[in-house]
Amino acid sequence: MELRTLRYFVAVAEELHFGRAAVRLHMSQPPLSRAIRALETELGATLFHRTSTGVTLTDAGSVLLDEARALLDRADRVRARVAAAAGAATLTVGILGDSADPDVVRLADAHRRRHPHAEVTIRETDLTDPTCGLHAGLVDVALTRGPFDPAGLTTHTLRADPVGALLRADDPLAGRASLAPAELADRRWFRFPEGTDPLWQAYWHGGEPRRGPVVRTVRECRQAVLWNGTVGMTLVGHVPAEGLAVVPLTGLPPSPVVLAWPRTDPNPLVRSFVRTAIAAYDAS
């Protein structure tokens, strides 16, 4: 078994869909399907139950997934240790303001255990760059939120969180159990600066053009609501600051927590970080 074939298998096993796995691997679907069929022939076992909507792992596939992850992680650790010996084991991680997320803490602990000698630099960015510097080449991997322009990047959704309206606590709508975006259509919203990723802006503006104060950080979002009585979107799970309230919004998709890295072949530490992140978030 080649490591490349195992990477193909892990991608299909994690995406549970050949098409999505092919996109993730930057290849067409037919050669990916052939590679998995060849692997099944080599092992003498069916690894996936195939349906018209996707695939599920067989018992043999589940066993191979555990073993393949361990083998790939070991291979990356070997490369990382060699890089460390050469003084080149460094990783720059972009984070979009969620560094207090318990899953991030779990990920940091797991990565430190796997690569105790790797030097990790954290670049925390504001809300104007959802790629956390990936498009600018400032980071190796980003732990962020979507949606954003994925050109040149590979992405993997780790989790999705429901969103709500951020209001002043004394707002007439603050006591509601839920709100529809249309009920806030005539309100001033906080907005992001001109030039911010259009997909990102459209999502956090509730899919509509908005007027209101321009903000760059989560703190500025909260202050705009507190001082001006504007509204905007936030995560339902975020505890509002004093004087503010969060009301769940209906009819909007949840906010995805996204892992993103360059589409070009990443260094071993990036590959290991990606697998560690997926495992850490799956364990939550």
Protein backbone atom coordinates (compact mmCIF):
# COMPACT_ATOMS: atom_id res chain seq x y z
CA MET A 1 0.00 0.00 0.00
CA GLU A 2 1.31 3.43 -0.94
CA LEU A 3 0.87 6.39 1.36
CA ARG A 4 -0.75 8.29 -1.50
CA THR A 5 -3.44 5.62 -1.85
CA LEU A 6 -4.07 5.70 1.90
CA ARG A 7 -4.51 9.49 1.69
CA TYR A 8 -7.09 8.91 -1.05
CA PHE A 9 -8.90 6.39 1.13
CA VAL A 10 -8.91 8.66 4.19
CA ALA A 11 -10.31 11.55 2.14
CA VAL A 12 -13.22 9.40 0.89
CA ALA A 13 -13.78 7.97 4.39
CA GLU A 14 -13.95 11.44 5.94
CA GLU A 15 -16.07 13.03 3.22
CA LEU A 16 -18.22 9.89 2.68
CA HIS A 17 -18.59 11.00 -0.92
CA PHE A 18 -16.28 10.34 -3.88
CA GLY A 19 -17.09 13.66 -5.55
CA ARG A 20 -16.30 15.76 -2.48
CA ALA A 21 -13.18 13.71 -1.80
CA ALA A 22 -12.00 14.26 -5.38
CA VAL A 23 -12.45 18.02 -4.98
CA ARG A 24 -10.54 17.91 -1.69
CA LEU A 25 -7.72 15.94 -3.35
CA HIS A 26 -7.69 18.18 -6.47
CA MET A 27 -8.24 15.30 -8.85
CA SER A 28 -11.06 13.97 -10.99
CA GLN A 29 -13.39 11.32 -9.62
CA PRO A 30 -12.68 8.39 -12.03
CA PRO A 31 -9.01 7.90 -11.05
CA LEU A 32 -9.95 8.22 -7.38
CA SER A 33 -12.61 5.52 -7.78
CA ARG A 34 -10.12 3.30 -9.60
CA ALA A 35 -7.54 3.77 -6.85
CA ILE A 36 -10.04 2.75 -4.16
CA ARG A 37 -11.16 -0.26 -6.20
CA ALA A 38 -7.52 -1.30 -6.60
CA LEU A 39 -6.98 -0.92 -2.86
CA GLU A 40 -10.02 -3.10 -2.16
CA THR A 41 -8.67 -5.73 -4.57
CA GLU A 42 -5.24 -5.60 -2.95
CA LEU A 43 -6.72 -6.02 0.54
CA GLY A 44 -9.35 -8.53 -0.52
CA ALA A 45 -12.05 -6.55 1.29
CA THR A 46 -14.86 -4.14 0.46
CA LEU A 47 -14.13 -0.84 2.19
CA PHE A 48 -17.28 1.13 1.31
CA HIS A 49 -20.98 0.51 0.85
CA ARG A 50 -21.76 2.58 -2.26
CA THR A 51 -25.13 4.29 -2.81
CA SER A 52 -26.42 6.90 -5.22
CA THR A 53 -26.03 9.62 -2.56
CA GLY A 54 -22.62 8.71 -1.16
CA VAL A 55 -20.79 5.95 0.69
CA THR A 56 -20.56 4.46 4.18
CA LEU A 57 -17.70 2.53 5.69
CA THR A 58 -17.87 -1.23 6.02
CA ASP A 59 -16.44 -2.89 9.12
CA ALA A 60 -13.23 -3.50 7.18
CA GLY A 61 -13.21 0.13 6.07
CA SER A 62 -13.54 1.34 9.67
CA VAL A 63 -10.55 -0.78 10.68
CA LEU A 64 -8.50 0.54 7.76
CA LEU A 65 -9.45 4.15 8.56
CA ASP A 66 -7.99 3.84 12.06
CA GLU A 67 -4.86 2.15 10.75
CA ALA A 68 -4.44 4.52 7.79
CA ARG A 69 -4.71 7.60 10.00
CA ALA A 70 -2.07 6.13 12.31
CA LEU A 71 0.26 5.27 9.42
CA LEU A 72 -0.12 8.68 7.76
CA ASP A 73 0.37 10.44 11.05
CA ARG A 74 3.50 8.40 11.69
CA ALA A 75 4.85 9.26 8.24
CA ASP A 76 4.22 12.96 8.78
CA ARG A 77 5.81 12.80 12.21
CA VAL A 78 8.92 11.24 10.68
CA ARG A 79 9.10 14.08 8.16
CA ALA A 80 8.45 16.66 10.89
CA ARG A 81 11.21 15.22 13.11
CA VAL A 82 13.63 15.34 10.21
CA ALA A 83 12.58 18.93 9.58
CA ALA A 84 13.06 19.72 13.27
CA ALA A 85 16.55 18.26 13.16
CA ALA A 86 17.23 20.52 10.20
CA GLY A 87 15.80 23.49 12.10
CA ALA A 88 12.77 23.84 9.82
CA ALA A 89 9.82 22.51 11.90
CA THR A 90 7.67 25.61 12.03
CA LEU A 91 3.96 26.17 11.50
CA THR A 92 2.02 29.42 11.30
CA VAL A 93 -1.68 29.01 12.16
CA GLY A 94 -4.24 31.71 11.40
CA ILE A 95 -7.17 31.91 13.81
CA LEU A 96 -10.26 34.06 13.40
CA GLY A 97 -10.82 35.30 16.92
CA ASP A 98 -12.08 31.97 18.35
CA SER A 99 -8.94 31.11 20.30
CA ALA A 100 -11.04 30.61 23.48
CA ASP A 101 -13.07 27.86 21.76
CA PRO A 102 -12.72 24.63 23.82
CA ASP A 103 -12.11 22.70 20.61
CA VAL A 104 -9.14 24.95 19.84
CA VAL A 105 -7.71 24.22 23.29
CA ARG A 106 -8.15 20.48 22.67
CA LEU A 107 -6.48 20.84 19.27
CA ALA A 108 -3.53 22.77 20.71
CA ASP A 109 -2.98 20.09 23.36
CA ALA A 110 -3.15 17.27 20.81
CA HIS A 111 -0.80 19.00 18.37
CA ARG A 112 1.72 19.72 21.11
CA ARG A 113 1.72 16.06 22.12
CA ARG A 114 2.31 14.95 18.54
CA HIS A 115 4.95 17.56 17.70
CA PRO A 116 6.53 18.77 20.95
CA HIS A 117 9.54 20.25 19.13
CA ALA A 118 7.63 22.13 16.43
CA GLU A 119 7.46 25.90 16.72
CA VAL A 120 3.88 27.14 16.27
CA THR A 121 3.12 30.80 15.59
CA ILE A 122 -0.49 31.97 15.98
CA ARG A 123 -1.72 34.85 13.83
CA GLU A 124 -5.11 36.01 15.09
CA THR A 125 -6.95 38.09 12.50
CA ASP A 126 -9.94 40.40 12.47
CA LEU A 127 -13.23 39.91 10.63
CA THR A 128 -12.06 41.56 7.40
CA ASP A 129 -10.03 38.51 6.31
CA PRO A 130 -11.80 35.18 6.83
CA THR A 131 -8.84 33.30 5.30
CA CYS A 132 -6.65 34.62 8.15
CA GLY A 133 -3.87 35.52 5.73
CA LEU A 134 -3.91 32.35 3.60
CA HIS A 135 -4.54 34.19 0.33
CA ALA A 136 -1.71 36.58 1.23
CA GLY A 137 0.66 33.72 2.08
CA LEU A 138 0.99 34.85 5.71
CA VAL A 139 -0.05 31.55 7.32
CA ASP A 140 0.33 27.84 6.58
CA VAL A 141 -3.15 26.79 7.72
CA ALA A 142 -6.22 28.63 9.01
CA LEU A 143 -8.83 27.77 11.60
CA THR A 144 -11.64 30.07 10.61
CA ARG A 145 -15.27 30.35 9.58
CA GLY A 146 -16.95 30.26 6.19
CA PRO A 147 -18.10 31.07 3.70
CA PHE A 148 -15.30 32.76 1.76
CA ASP A 149 -13.62 32.53 -1.64
CA PRO A 150 -11.87 29.11 -1.62
CA ALA A 151 -9.74 29.78 -4.72
CA GLY A 152 -6.39 28.06 -4.33
CA LEU A 153 -7.38 26.51 -1.00
CA THR A 154 -8.55 23.18 0.35
CA THR A 155 -11.22 23.40 3.05
CA HIS A 156 -12.80 21.02 5.53
CA THR A 157 -15.82 21.86 7.70
CA LEU A 158 -15.20 20.87 11.32
CA ARG A 159 -18.41 22.06 12.95
CA ALA A 160 -21.40 24.35 12.34
CA ASP A 161 -22.86 26.72 14.93
CA PRO A 162 -26.33 28.34 14.92
CA VAL A 163 -26.46 32.11 14.57
CA GLY A 164 -28.59 34.77 16.16
CA ALA A 165 -29.26 38.50 16.18
CA LEU A 166 -27.10 40.61 18.49
CA LEU A 167 -29.27 43.30 20.11
CA ARG A 168 -29.20 45.69 23.01
CA ALA A 169 -30.73 44.04 26.07
CA ASP A 170 -33.39 46.77 26.18
CA ASP A 171 -34.31 46.34 22.50
CA PRO A 172 -38.05 45.56 22.08
CA LEU A 173 -37.10 42.38 20.20
CA ALA A 174 -34.56 41.15 22.76
CA GLY A 175 -37.11 39.06 24.64
CA ARG A 176 -38.24 37.07 21.62
CA ALA A 177 -37.61 33.32 21.43
CA SER A 178 -36.49 33.69 17.80
CA LEU A 179 -36.45 36.18 14.95
CA ALA A 180 -36.63 36.02 11.16
CA PRO A 181 -34.10 38.17 9.25
CA ALA A 182 -37.01 39.99 7.57
CA GLU A 183 -38.03 41.38 10.98
CA LEU A 184 -34.74 43.29 11.07
CA ALA A 185 -34.88 44.56 7.49
CA ASP A 186 -35.41 48.21 8.44
CA ARG A 187 -32.70 48.23 11.12
CA ARG A 188 -29.14 49.48 10.86
CA TRP A 189 -26.62 46.62 10.87
CA PHE A 190 -22.90 46.67 11.52
CA ARG A 191 -21.03 46.13 8.26
CA PHE A 192 -17.55 45.10 7.15
CA PRO A 193 -15.21 47.41 5.18
CA GLU A 194 -15.43 47.66 1.41
CA GLY A 195 -13.27 44.98 -0.21
CA THR A 196 -14.04 42.30 2.39
CA ASP A 197 -14.75 38.90 0.81
CA PRO A 198 -18.24 39.15 -0.82
CA LEU A 199 -19.33 35.64 0.26
CA TRP A 200 -18.36 36.43 3.84
CA GLN A 201 -20.17 39.78 3.80
CA ALA A 202 -23.33 38.31 2.28
CA TYR A 203 -23.55 35.62 4.97
CA TRP A 204 -23.01 37.90 7.96
CA HIS A 205 -25.36 40.51 6.51
CA GLY A 206 -28.14 37.93 6.39
CA GLY A 207 -28.05 37.79 2.60
CA GLU A 208 -29.11 41.41 2.13
CA PRO A 209 -27.34 44.75 1.54
CA ARG A 210 -27.09 46.62 4.85
CA ARG A 211 -26.43 50.12 6.09
CA GLY A 212 -24.79 51.00 9.35
CA PRO A 213 -21.41 51.43 11.05
CA VAL A 214 -18.32 49.68 9.67
CA VAL A 215 -16.59 47.23 12.03
CA ARG A 216 -13.47 45.09 11.90
CA THR A 217 -13.44 43.08 15.13
CA VAL A 218 -15.90 41.20 17.35
CA ARG A 219 -15.37 43.84 20.03
CA GLU A 220 -16.29 46.59 17.56
CA CYS A 221 -19.44 44.66 16.60
CA ARG A 222 -20.54 44.56 20.22
CA GLN A 223 -19.72 48.22 20.81
CA ALA A 224 -21.66 49.26 17.68
CA VAL A 225 -24.75 47.55 19.08
CA LEU A 226 -24.23 48.87 22.61
CA TRP A 227 -23.60 52.49 21.65
CA ASN A 228 -25.69 52.89 18.50
CA GLY A 229 -28.50 50.36 18.91
CA THR A 230 -27.53 48.72 15.63
CA VAL A 231 -28.05 44.99 15.10
CA GLY A 232 -26.04 42.23 13.51
CA MET A 233 -25.36 38.52 13.51
CA THR A 234 -23.38 36.55 16.05
CA LEU A 235 -23.13 32.99 17.31
CA VAL A 236 -25.95 31.79 19.53
CA GLY A 237 -23.42 30.02 21.73
CA HIS A 238 -21.45 33.19 22.48
CA VAL A 239 -22.37 34.66 25.86
CA PRO A 240 -23.34 38.28 25.22
CA ALA A 241 -21.56 41.07 27.08
CA GLU A 242 -23.43 43.06 29.71
CA GLY A 243 -26.15 45.15 28.13
CA LEU A 244 -26.50 42.89 25.09
CA ALA A 245 -28.73 39.97 24.12
CA VAL A 246 -28.67 37.24 21.48
CA VAL A 247 -31.89 35.98 19.86
CA PRO A 248 -31.72 32.92 17.53
CA LEU A 249 -32.34 33.70 13.86
CA THR A 250 -34.52 31.37 11.79
CA GLY A 251 -34.07 30.53 8.12
CA LEU A 252 -30.31 31.02 8.06
CA PRO A 253 -27.71 28.24 7.73
CA PRO A 254 -25.38 27.71 10.69
CA SER A 255 -21.92 29.24 10.69
CA PRO A 256 -19.32 26.63 9.66
CA VAL A 257 -16.02 26.29 11.48
CA VAL A 258 -13.60 25.69 8.62
CA LEU A 259 -10.07 24.38 8.36
CA ALA A 260 -8.31 25.76 5.28
CA TRP A 261 -4.86 25.28 3.79
CA PRO A 262 -3.14 25.90 0.44
CA ARG A 263 -4.20 23.67 -2.42
CA THR A 264 -0.57 23.04 -3.31
CA ASP A 265 0.95 20.06 -1.52
CA PRO A 266 1.32 21.22 2.11
CA ASN A 267 4.28 20.47 4.34
CA PRO A 268 4.07 17.46 6.70
CA LEU A 269 3.18 19.62 9.71
CA VAL A 270 0.14 21.00 7.86
CA ARG A 271 -1.07 17.51 6.95
CA SER A 272 -0.62 16.37 10.54
CA PHE A 273 -2.35 19.50 11.83
CA VAL A 274 -5.33 18.85 9.56
CA ARG A 275 -5.78 15.28 10.80
CA THR A 276 -5.28 16.33 14.41
CA ALA A 277 -7.89 19.07 14.03
CA ILE A 278 -10.45 16.71 12.49
CA ALA A 279 -9.93 14.23 15.34
CA ALA A 280 -10.11 16.96 18.01
CA TYR A 281 -13.36 18.39 16.69
CA ASP A 282 -14.89 14.95 16.14
CA ALA A 283 -14.23 14.20 19.81
CA SER A 284 -16.23 17.22 21.01
